[in-house]
C-alpha cells in the first residue's frame, strides 16, 4: 500500500471514530488476544463499566460467529471486526463470508430478533438461558444473537451481499449493533 493510501485509511478510520479494527483469519488464540486489546482500548476511550461489558460481549459474540459459521478460508475463518465511537456510544460491526445455503436460516433468525421489542428480547434471552435445549444448527445454544440484541440500544442491522449469492456458494454477512 502506498503511503498516501495508508494516510487516507488512517484519516478515514479516525474520522469514523474507529477504536479497534481487525481483518484477517480468526482462531481462539487470536480472539483472546484481540479481546485483551479491545478491553484496553475501551478503558482508554473512557467507556463506563456497563457499556464496556456490553461492547466486549457483543464483540466476542461476533468474533465467535465468524469462527464458527464463517466460510472456510485457507487454514481458518476470515472476517472483519470493528468498534467505533459515536456521539451516542459505540457501534460494533463484523463482516464475513458464509455458506449461501445458510442465508435463509440466518436471515430468519436475524429478522425474528430484529422485530422484537426490547422487553421481548430480554424475555427470549432469559428463556434461552434457562433452557436445556440446544439448537442443532447452533454451536452455542442460540444465545449469541440474543446476547447482542440485549446489549444493543437499537435493533441489530444486517445486510447479505450479494443477495442473491455469488457463484462460489458464499454470501457476505454484515452485522452492526449500537451500544
Protein backbone atom coordinates (compact mmCIF):
# COMPACT_ATOMS: atom_id res chain seq x y z
CA UNK A 1 0.00 0.00 0.00
CA UNK A 2 1.31 3.41 -0.86
CA UNK A 3 1.86 5.97 1.88
CA UNK A 4 -0.89 8.25 0.52
CA UNK A 5 -3.41 5.38 0.59
CA UNK A 6 -2.34 4.41 4.09
CA UNK A 7 -2.66 8.02 5.29
CA UNK A 8 -6.19 8.19 3.80
CA UNK A 9 -7.08 4.90 5.51
CA UNK A 10 -5.84 6.18 8.89
CA UNK A 11 -7.60 9.54 8.44
CA UNK A 12 -10.89 7.87 7.45
CA UNK A 13 -10.69 5.50 10.43
CA UNK A 14 -10.06 8.42 12.77
CA UNK A 15 -12.91 10.49 11.28
CA UNK A 16 -15.22 7.48 11.60
CA UNK A 17 -14.40 7.04 15.30
CA UNK A 18 -12.73 3.64 14.87
CA UNK A 19 -11.44 2.45 18.23
CA UNK A 20 -10.48 -1.04 17.10
CA UNK A 21 -10.34 -2.88 13.78
CA UNK A 22 -9.18 -6.35 12.79
CA UNK A 23 -9.39 -8.06 9.43
CA UNK A 24 -7.95 -11.49 8.84
CA UNK A 25 -8.09 -15.11 9.89
CA UNK A 26 -9.51 -15.83 13.33
CA UNK A 27 -8.82 -18.64 15.77
CA UNK A 28 -9.32 -18.92 19.53
CA UNK A 29 -5.87 -17.51 20.34
CA UNK A 30 -6.36 -14.51 18.06
CA UNK A 31 -9.79 -13.82 19.55
CA UNK A 32 -8.33 -13.91 23.08
CA UNK A 33 -5.52 -11.52 22.09
CA UNK A 34 -7.76 -9.01 20.34
CA UNK A 35 -10.22 -9.24 23.23
CA UNK A 36 -7.49 -8.10 25.63
CA UNK A 37 -6.55 -5.26 23.27
CA UNK A 38 -10.19 -4.19 22.96
CA UNK A 39 -10.64 -4.06 26.74
CA UNK A 40 -7.63 -1.76 26.99
CA UNK A 41 -8.88 0.46 24.14
CA UNK A 42 -12.34 0.75 25.74
CA UNK A 43 -10.70 1.81 29.01
CA UNK A 44 -8.63 4.42 27.10
CA UNK A 45 -11.84 5.65 25.44
CA UNK A 46 -13.46 6.18 28.84
CA UNK A 47 -16.23 3.62 28.39
CA UNK A 48 -18.06 3.06 31.67
CA UNK A 49 -18.21 -0.43 33.15
CA UNK A 50 -21.63 -1.47 31.88
CA UNK A 51 -21.04 -0.02 28.43
CA UNK A 52 -17.60 -1.64 28.21
CA UNK A 53 -19.04 -5.04 29.17
CA UNK A 54 -21.78 -4.76 26.54
CA UNK A 55 -19.34 -3.73 23.81
CA UNK A 56 -16.93 -6.50 24.78
CA UNK A 57 -19.65 -9.19 24.97
CA UNK A 58 -21.07 -8.16 21.60
CA UNK A 59 -17.61 -8.05 20.01
CA UNK A 60 -16.81 -11.53 21.34
CA UNK A 61 -20.13 -12.94 20.09
CA UNK A 62 -19.41 -11.53 16.64
CA UNK A 63 -15.89 -12.99 16.69
CA UNK A 64 -17.23 -16.39 17.75
CA UNK A 65 -19.85 -16.26 14.99
CA UNK A 66 -17.11 -15.68 12.42
CA UNK A 67 -15.08 -18.54 13.90
CA UNK A 68 -18.00 -20.98 13.96
CA UNK A 69 -20.09 -20.01 10.95
CA UNK A 70 -17.80 -18.15 8.57
CA UNK A 71 -16.88 -19.75 5.26
CA UNK A 72 -13.54 -21.56 5.40
CA UNK A 73 -10.66 -19.52 4.03
CA UNK A 74 -7.36 -21.35 3.82
CA UNK A 75 -6.46 -22.57 7.32
CA UNK A 76 -9.23 -20.77 9.17
CA UNK A 77 -12.12 -18.36 9.05
CA UNK A 78 -11.62 -14.87 7.70
CA UNK A 79 -13.62 -11.89 8.87
CA UNK A 80 -13.50 -8.25 9.87
CA UNK A 81 -14.41 -6.80 13.27
CA UNK A 82 -14.72 -3.13 14.13
CA UNK A 83 -15.64 -0.99 17.13
CA UNK A 84 -16.30 2.70 16.54
CA UNK A 85 -17.07 5.53 18.97
CA UNK A 86 -20.16 7.57 18.10
CA UNK A 87 -21.79 10.59 19.72
CA UNK A 88 -24.28 8.22 21.37
CA UNK A 89 -21.88 5.44 22.42
CA UNK A 90 -20.33 2.68 20.33
CA UNK A 91 -21.07 0.68 17.22
CA UNK A 92 -19.82 -2.90 16.99
CA UNK A 93 -19.65 -4.35 13.48
CA UNK A 94 -18.50 -7.50 11.78
CA UNK A 95 -18.47 -8.98 8.33
CA UNK A 96 -17.60 -12.37 6.92
CA UNK A 97 -18.36 -14.73 4.09
CA UNK A 98 -20.72 -17.57 4.89
CA UNK A 99 -22.14 -20.53 3.01
CA UNK A 100 -25.04 -19.25 0.92
CA UNK A 101 -27.21 -22.24 1.82
CA UNK A 102 -27.20 -20.94 5.42
CA UNK A 103 -28.55 -17.49 4.46
CA UNK A 104 -32.29 -18.32 4.71
CA UNK A 105 -31.89 -19.77 8.24
CA UNK A 106 -29.69 -16.90 9.43
CA UNK A 107 -31.94 -14.27 7.80
CA UNK A 108 -34.99 -15.77 9.53
CA UNK A 109 -33.26 -15.63 12.93
CA UNK A 110 -31.99 -12.09 12.39
CA UNK A 111 -35.39 -10.84 11.22
CA UNK A 112 -37.10 -12.52 14.16
CA UNK A 113 -34.82 -10.89 16.73
CA UNK A 114 -34.78 -7.57 14.85
CA UNK A 115 -38.59 -7.41 15.03
CA UNK A 116 -38.73 -7.98 18.81
CA UNK A 117 -39.42 -5.16 21.22
CA UNK A 118 -36.64 -4.72 23.83
CA UNK A 119 -38.72 -6.36 26.56
CA UNK A 120 -39.39 -9.38 24.35
CA UNK A 121 -35.65 -9.67 23.58
CA UNK A 122 -34.89 -9.81 27.31
CA UNK A 123 -37.61 -12.43 27.86
CA UNK A 124 -36.32 -14.57 25.00
CA UNK A 125 -32.77 -14.21 26.33
CA UNK A 126 -33.81 -15.34 29.83
CA UNK A 127 -35.83 -18.24 28.40
CA UNK A 128 -32.85 -19.36 26.31
CA UNK A 129 -30.53 -19.14 29.34
CA UNK A 130 -32.91 -21.30 31.35
CA UNK A 131 -33.48 -23.80 28.54
CA UNK A 132 -31.53 -27.02 28.33
CA UNK A 133 -32.39 -27.40 24.64
CA UNK A 134 -29.72 -26.72 22.08
CA UNK A 135 -30.43 -25.70 18.53
CA UNK A 136 -28.99 -28.39 16.25
CA UNK A 137 -27.69 -25.69 13.88
CA UNK A 138 -26.10 -23.63 16.65
CA UNK A 139 -22.74 -24.19 18.30
CA UNK A 140 -23.65 -22.03 21.31
CA UNK A 141 -27.25 -22.89 22.26
CA UNK A 142 -28.50 -19.94 20.17
CA UNK A 143 -27.58 -17.33 22.77
CA UNK A 144 -25.19 -15.24 20.63
CA UNK A 145 -27.73 -13.28 18.67
CA UNK A 146 -29.89 -12.67 21.74
CA UNK A 147 -26.81 -11.59 23.73
CA UNK A 148 -26.05 -8.98 21.06
CA UNK A 149 -29.67 -7.85 20.90
CA UNK A 150 -29.95 -7.48 24.70
CA UNK A 151 -26.85 -5.25 24.74
CA UNK A 152 -27.90 -3.11 21.77
CA UNK A 153 -29.82 0.16 22.06
CA UNK A 154 -31.39 -0.38 18.62
CA UNK A 155 -32.37 -3.39 16.52
CA UNK A 156 -29.43 -5.29 15.05
CA UNK A 157 -28.76 -4.20 11.48
CA UNK A 158 -27.70 -6.72 8.85
CA UNK A 159 -27.02 -6.99 5.14
CA UNK A 160 -26.38 -10.03 2.97
CA UNK A 161 -24.20 -9.12 0.00
CA UNK A 162 -24.74 -10.05 -2.69
CA UNK A 163 -28.33 -11.08 -2.44
CA UNK A 164 -28.74 -13.45 -4.33
CA UNK A 165 -25.47 -15.26 -3.52
CA UNK A 166 -22.22 -15.38 -5.50
CA UNK A 167 -21.41 -18.18 -7.93
CA UNK A 168 -18.88 -19.69 -5.48
CA UNK A 169 -21.66 -20.50 -2.99
CA UNK A 170 -20.82 -17.74 -0.48
CA UNK A 171 -22.51 -14.58 0.69
CA UNK A 172 -21.02 -11.77 2.77
CA UNK A 173 -22.85 -11.05 6.03
CA UNK A 174 -22.51 -7.63 7.67
CA UNK A 175 -23.85 -7.05 11.21
CA UNK A 176 -24.00 -3.82 13.22
CA UNK A 177 -25.15 -3.12 16.75
CA UNK A 178 -25.39 0.18 18.61
CA UNK A 179 -24.39 0.26 22.27
